[in-house]
Amino acid sequence: MATQQAEIIAAHGRHYLATAEVDGQKLRLHCVTRGKKSDIAVGDLVEIALTSKDQAVIEKIVTRKTLLYRSDQYKSKMLAANLTRLLIVVATEPGFTDDLVSRALVAAESAGITPWLVLNKVDLTDALPRARERMQMYRDIGYPVLEVSAQGNPEATRAALLEIIQGESTILIGQSGMGKSSLINLLVPDADIATREISAALDTGKHTTTFTRLYDLPEGGKVIDSPGFQEFGLHHLSEGMLERAFPEFVPHLGHCKFYNCHHHAEPGCAVLAAVESGEIATLRHDLFEQLVHESKQKVGY
């Protein structure tokens, strides 16, 4: 059977929605995999075989450029494939957790995806100084921070976001309450309608916010919206991968007294010396230790 390429735009369980060019028309197809395989992510390019005018079987995944996923000791959850940008949305209020922000940054670094921090609700001026103070740690490491106000200044917000993401493949992640949906609605004016259509096509019933979905930007590029989540496990990253995913550690790697230094409590550790001198934030080193600890946890039977 002849196959052709399609792009996965939404996933729910083992049901996928894809877009493909068929006879010069862009069609939306309901796709399933052969057998019980479900290792397909939104943003994946796949080879499909049509089984009817609006249904297809996924035959294989085209080699991915990048894959963003999170994991704990029991399971992993793919967020999206072929990304070039990760926008971590935080807000002046309600409060955000540095733990989730830092974990998302580590995930981006290890996957080769360019991260940006987006500080939303800067019109809430009472909470702004504290939020800026918290963002400074990330600026010091070299991460760009974009300040926006989706509600207070929508046009400027949209223009500023487009400068970063036009022509790119971008995912927005953040805890609930940060205004991520408002930003998506600014970028994709018909997002609500598209979500309802996708939800109906995937037969997800009322749970329209529990799945990841991809939208084409009118200006070129793609934006992916993911459900809000509170935890970001990185169990799949080894200690060596983790130390290289903290950019501020990198200049000090290889300068420790012992070649197999774990940057934990060893004498002559260059990373610990940098923590001591304030060159590396204690909060970041604490997270590194926590992630290394998590990556060593094995499933107990």
Protein backbone atom coordinates (compact mmCIF):
# COMPACT_ATOMS: atom_id res chain seq x y z
CA MET A 1 0.00 0.00 0.00
CA ALA A 2 1.36 3.45 -0.92
CA THR A 3 2.34 5.64 2.02
CA GLN A 4 2.65 9.37 2.38
CA GLN A 5 3.87 11.82 4.98
CA ALA A 6 1.64 13.44 7.58
CA GLU A 7 2.12 15.54 10.71
CA ILE A 8 0.61 14.61 14.08
CA ILE A 9 -1.36 17.59 15.45
CA ALA A 10 -3.09 15.99 18.45
CA ALA A 11 -3.01 12.78 20.46
CA HIS A 12 -5.38 11.17 22.93
CA GLY A 13 -4.58 7.69 24.15
CA ARG A 14 -3.74 5.67 21.04
CA HIS A 15 -5.78 7.90 18.75
CA TYR A 16 -4.03 10.54 16.70
CA LEU A 17 -5.07 13.40 14.47
CA ALA A 18 -2.78 14.23 11.56
CA THR A 19 -2.74 16.62 8.64
CA ALA A 20 -1.60 15.52 5.19
CA GLU A 21 -1.68 16.76 1.60
CA VAL A 22 -3.90 14.41 -0.40
CA ASP A 23 -4.44 15.23 -4.07
CA GLY A 24 -3.50 18.86 -3.47
CA GLN A 25 -5.86 19.22 -0.50
CA LYS A 26 -4.84 19.56 3.14
CA LEU A 27 -6.84 16.93 5.00
CA ARG A 28 -7.24 16.14 8.67
CA LEU A 29 -7.03 12.40 9.24
CA HIS A 30 -7.90 10.21 12.19
CA CYS A 31 -4.97 7.82 12.62
CA VAL A 32 -4.25 4.67 14.58
CA THR A 33 -1.06 2.66 14.98
CA ARG A 34 -0.55 -0.97 14.12
CA GLY A 35 -0.82 -3.11 17.24
CA LYS A 36 -0.49 -1.47 20.65
CA LYS A 37 2.34 0.91 19.84
CA SER A 38 1.77 4.39 21.22
CA ASP A 39 5.22 5.96 21.05
CA ILE A 40 4.08 8.82 18.83
CA ALA A 41 4.20 12.48 19.86
CA VAL A 42 2.49 15.63 18.68
CA GLY A 43 4.81 17.25 16.14
CA ASP A 44 5.99 13.89 14.78
CA LEU A 45 6.20 13.45 11.02
CA VAL A 46 4.89 9.99 10.14
CA GLU A 47 4.42 7.77 7.13
CA ILE A 48 0.73 6.83 6.81
CA ALA A 49 -1.38 4.56 4.65
CA LEU A 50 -4.92 5.79 3.94
CA THR A 51 -7.67 3.34 4.90
CA SER A 52 -10.57 5.66 3.98
CA LYS A 53 -11.00 9.27 2.96
CA ASP A 54 -10.49 10.51 6.53
CA GLN A 55 -8.70 7.62 8.25
CA ALA A 56 -5.21 6.18 8.10
CA VAL A 57 -2.78 3.77 9.71
CA ILE A 58 0.61 5.04 10.91
CA GLU A 59 3.32 2.87 9.38
CA LYS A 60 6.43 4.55 10.78
CA ILE A 61 7.82 7.68 12.42
CA VAL A 62 10.20 9.85 10.41
CA THR A 63 13.47 10.36 12.31
CA ARG A 64 12.96 13.12 14.88
CA LYS A 65 15.16 16.21 15.17
CA THR A 66 14.27 16.64 18.86
CA LEU A 67 11.99 15.05 21.45
CA LEU A 68 10.86 16.69 24.69
CA TYR A 69 9.58 14.36 27.36
CA ARG A 70 9.38 13.91 31.10
CA SER A 71 9.70 10.74 33.11
CA ASP A 72 9.70 9.24 36.58
CA GLN A 73 10.87 5.80 37.66
CA TYR A 74 7.63 4.21 36.45
CA LYS A 75 6.79 5.80 33.12
CA SER A 76 7.64 8.50 30.62
CA LYS A 77 5.36 11.04 28.96
CA MET A 78 6.24 12.49 25.57
CA LEU A 79 5.35 16.18 25.26
CA ALA A 80 6.24 16.93 21.63
CA ALA A 81 8.67 16.15 18.81
CA ASN A 82 10.71 18.25 16.36
CA LEU A 83 10.66 21.33 18.58
CA THR A 84 13.07 24.24 18.17
CA ARG A 85 11.72 26.50 20.97
CA LEU A 86 10.44 25.95 24.50
CA LEU A 87 8.57 28.85 26.12
CA ILE A 88 8.23 28.49 29.89
CA VAL A 89 5.35 30.71 30.97
CA VAL A 90 5.43 32.19 34.49
CA ALA A 91 3.49 35.10 35.95
CA THR A 92 3.85 37.85 38.53
CA GLU A 93 0.96 36.16 40.32
CA PRO A 94 -0.08 33.50 41.25
CA GLY A 95 3.35 32.34 42.38
CA PHE A 96 5.34 29.94 40.23
CA THR A 97 7.77 27.26 41.38
CA ASP A 98 11.46 27.57 40.53
CA ASP A 99 11.65 23.79 40.63
CA LEU A 100 9.36 23.38 37.60
CA VAL A 101 11.05 26.22 35.70
CA SER A 102 14.54 24.81 36.28
CA ARG A 103 13.48 21.28 35.38
CA ALA A 104 11.96 22.51 32.11
CA LEU A 105 15.21 24.36 31.35
CA VAL A 106 17.25 21.20 32.00
CA ALA A 107 14.90 19.21 29.74
CA ALA A 108 15.33 21.79 26.95
CA GLU A 109 19.12 21.85 27.30
CA SER A 110 19.39 18.06 27.21
CA ALA A 111 17.08 17.83 24.16
CA GLY A 112 18.82 20.57 22.17
CA ILE A 113 15.82 22.95 22.22
CA THR A 114 16.22 26.72 22.73
CA PRO A 115 14.40 27.84 25.90
CA TRP A 116 12.87 31.22 26.70
CA LEU A 117 11.23 32.40 29.90
CA VAL A 118 8.05 34.42 29.43
CA LEU A 119 7.02 36.54 32.41
CA ASN A 120 3.32 37.28 31.95
CA LYS A 121 1.01 39.71 33.81
CA VAL A 122 3.64 42.47 34.15
CA ASP A 123 0.69 44.90 34.40
CA LEU A 124 0.23 43.63 37.99
CA THR A 125 2.85 46.09 39.18
CA ASP A 126 2.68 45.29 42.92
CA ALA A 127 4.01 41.78 42.32
CA LEU A 128 6.40 42.72 39.49
CA PRO A 129 9.57 43.60 41.48
CA ARG A 130 9.54 40.26 43.30
CA ALA A 131 8.94 38.32 40.06
CA ARG A 132 11.79 40.20 38.33
CA GLU A 133 14.07 39.46 41.24
CA ARG A 134 13.32 35.74 40.87
CA MET A 135 13.89 35.92 37.10
CA GLN A 136 17.33 37.46 37.65
CA MET A 137 18.88 34.11 38.55
CA TYR A 138 17.93 32.79 35.10
CA ARG A 139 19.10 35.97 33.34
CA ASP A 140 22.46 35.63 35.11
CA ILE A 141 22.87 32.13 33.68
CA GLY A 142 22.14 33.55 30.22
CA TYR A 143 18.52 32.60 29.66
CA PRO A 144 16.44 35.25 27.85
CA VAL A 145 13.38 36.56 29.69
CA LEU A 146 10.51 38.18 27.76
CA GLU A 147 8.13 40.37 29.80
CA VAL A 148 4.56 40.55 28.50
CA SER A 149 0.99 41.30 29.50
CA ALA A 150 -1.52 39.17 27.59
CA GLN A 151 -4.49 40.98 29.13
CA GLY A 152 -3.05 44.48 29.58
CA ASN A 153 -1.29 44.86 26.24
CA PRO A 154 -2.32 42.09 23.85
CA GLU A 155 -1.01 43.62 20.59
CA ALA A 156 2.50 44.26 21.94
CA THR A 157 2.52 40.81 23.56
CA ARG A 158 1.61 39.10 20.30
CA ALA A 159 4.25 41.05 18.37
CA ALA A 160 6.95 40.27 20.95
CA LEU A 161 6.12 36.55 20.95
CA LEU A 162 6.10 36.35 17.16
CA GLU A 163 9.64 37.78 17.04
CA ILE A 164 10.80 34.71 18.96
CA ILE A 165 8.64 31.97 17.47
CA GLN A 166 7.84 32.91 13.88
CA GLY A 167 9.08 30.13 11.60
CA GLU A 168 9.94 27.95 14.61
CA SER A 169 8.27 24.93 16.18
CA THR A 170 7.42 26.03 19.70
CA ILE A 171 5.82 24.49 22.78
CA LEU A 172 4.38 26.56 25.63
CA ILE A 173 4.49 24.99 29.07
CA GLY A 174 3.62 26.31 32.49
CA GLN A 175 1.66 25.72 35.65
CA SER A 176 -2.05 26.52 35.57
CA GLY A 177 -2.90 30.15 36.28
CA MET A 178 0.10 31.60 34.45
CA GLY A 179 -1.95 32.80 31.45
CA LYS A 180 -0.67 30.27 28.95
CA SER A 181 -4.11 29.89 27.34
CA SER A 182 -4.38 33.66 26.90
CA LEU A 183 -1.05 33.68 25.06
CA ILE A 184 -2.13 30.78 22.82
CA ASN A 185 -5.39 32.59 22.01
CA LEU A 186 -3.44 35.72 21.07
CA LEU A 187 -1.18 33.75 18.74
CA VAL A 188 -3.91 31.52 17.29
CA PRO A 189 -7.16 33.51 17.09
CA ASP A 190 -9.25 30.40 16.30
CA ALA A 191 -7.59 28.20 18.94
CA ASP A 192 -10.84 27.56 20.86
CA ILE A 193 -12.71 26.49 17.73
CA ALA A 194 -9.79 24.32 16.62
CA THR A 195 -9.62 22.70 20.04
CA ARG A 196 -13.32 21.85 19.98
CA GLU A 197 -12.98 20.39 16.48
CA ILE A 198 -9.94 18.32 17.50
CA SER A 199 -11.69 17.19 20.66
CA ALA A 200 -14.70 16.03 18.65
CA ALA A 201 -12.51 14.30 16.07
CA LEU A 202 -10.61 12.44 18.78
CA ASP A 203 -13.83 11.76 20.65
CA THR A 204 -12.39 13.08 23.92
CA GLY A 205 -15.79 14.27 25.13
CA LYS A 206 -15.64 17.27 27.42
CA HIS A 207 -11.97 16.95 28.35
CA THR A 208 -10.76 19.48 25.83
CA THR A 209 -7.72 20.62 27.83
CA THR A 210 -6.21 17.25 28.64
CA PHE A 211 -4.39 16.70 25.39
CA THR A 212 -1.49 18.34 23.59
CA ARG A 213 -2.26 19.95 20.26
CA LEU A 214 -0.40 21.71 17.45
CA TYR A 215 -1.56 24.84 15.61
CA ASP A 216 -0.09 26.37 12.47
CA LEU A 217 0.73 30.03 12.98
CA PRO A 218 -0.71 32.35 10.31
CA GLU A 219 2.73 34.01 10.07
CA GLY A 220 4.57 30.71 9.60
CA GLY A 221 5.79 28.21 12.15
CA LYS A 222 3.94 26.02 14.63
CA VAL A 223 2.88 26.44 18.21
CA ILE A 224 2.04 23.55 20.52
CA ASP A 225 -0.11 23.89 23.61
CA SER A 226 0.34 21.35 26.39
CA PRO A 227 -1.85 20.68 29.43
CA GLY A 228 -0.69 22.40 32.63
CA PHE A 229 1.26 20.13 34.92
CA GLN A 230 2.85 20.52 38.33
CA GLU A 231 5.70 18.02 38.07
CA PHE A 232 8.51 17.55 35.58
CA GLY A 233 10.47 14.35 36.20
CA LEU A 234 13.78 13.83 34.39
CA HIS A 235 14.45 10.26 35.41
CA HIS A 236 15.79 9.46 31.93
CA LEU A 237 18.82 11.76 32.27
CA SER A 238 22.05 10.26 33.59
CA GLU A 239 24.37 12.15 35.94
CA GLY A 240 26.70 13.01 33.04
CA MET A 241 23.79 14.32 30.96
CA LEU A 242 22.50 16.35 33.90
CA GLU A 243 25.78 18.12 34.68
CA ARG A 244 26.03 19.27 31.06
CA ALA A 245 22.41 20.50 31.08
CA PHE A 246 23.31 23.20 33.62
CA PRO A 247 25.10 25.81 31.45
CA GLU A 248 26.70 27.48 34.48
CA PHE A 249 28.37 24.16 35.45
CA VAL A 250 30.00 23.67 32.05
CA PRO A 251 33.01 26.07 32.47
CA HIS A 252 33.96 24.18 35.65
CA LEU A 253 33.61 20.61 34.38
CA GLY A 254 36.97 18.90 34.00
CA HIS A 255 38.62 21.18 36.59
CA CYS A 256 37.76 19.12 39.67
CA LYS A 257 40.54 17.38 41.64
CA PHE A 258 39.06 13.96 40.81
CA TYR A 259 38.17 13.07 37.22
CA ASN A 260 35.04 11.20 38.35
CA CYS A 261 33.82 13.95 40.69
CA HIS A 262 30.08 13.89 41.44
CA HIS A 263 30.03 17.58 42.58
CA HIS A 264 28.44 16.43 45.82
CA ALA A 265 30.91 16.75 48.71
CA GLU A 266 34.29 15.85 47.15
CA PRO A 267 37.40 17.86 48.09
CA GLY A 268 38.75 20.06 45.30
CA CYS A 269 35.45 20.16 43.37
CA ALA A 270 35.42 23.11 40.96
CA VAL A 271 31.60 23.16 40.80
CA LEU A 272 31.27 23.32 44.61
CA ALA A 273 33.87 26.10 44.68
CA ALA A 274 31.74 28.04 42.20
CA VAL A 275 28.67 27.51 44.43
CA GLU A 276 30.71 28.74 47.40
CA SER A 277 31.80 31.89 45.53
CA GLY A 278 28.23 32.63 44.36
CA GLU A 279 29.03 31.99 40.70
CA ILE A 280 26.53 29.12 40.74
CA ALA A 281 23.25 29.65 42.61
CA THR A 282 22.76 27.29 45.57
CA LEU A 283 19.18 26.67 44.40
CA ARG A 284 20.48 25.35 41.09
CA HIS A 285 23.09 23.07 42.67
CA ASP A 286 20.41 21.74 45.05
CA LEU A 287 18.24 20.89 42.03
CA PHE A 288 21.17 19.12 40.35
CA GLU A 289 21.65 16.96 43.46
CA GLN A 290 17.92 16.23 43.60
CA LEU A 291 17.81 15.21 39.92
CA VAL A 292 20.84 12.95 40.28
CA HIS A 293 19.18 11.34 43.30
CA GLU A 294 15.92 10.81 41.33
CA SER A 295 17.73 9.35 38.32
CA LYS A 296 19.24 6.66 40.55
CA GLN A 297 15.90 5.51 41.94
CA LYS A 298 14.91 2.11 40.65
CA VAL A 299 11.43 0.65 40.61
CA GLY A 300 11.04 -1.55 43.69
CA TYR A 301 9.17 -4.84 43.35
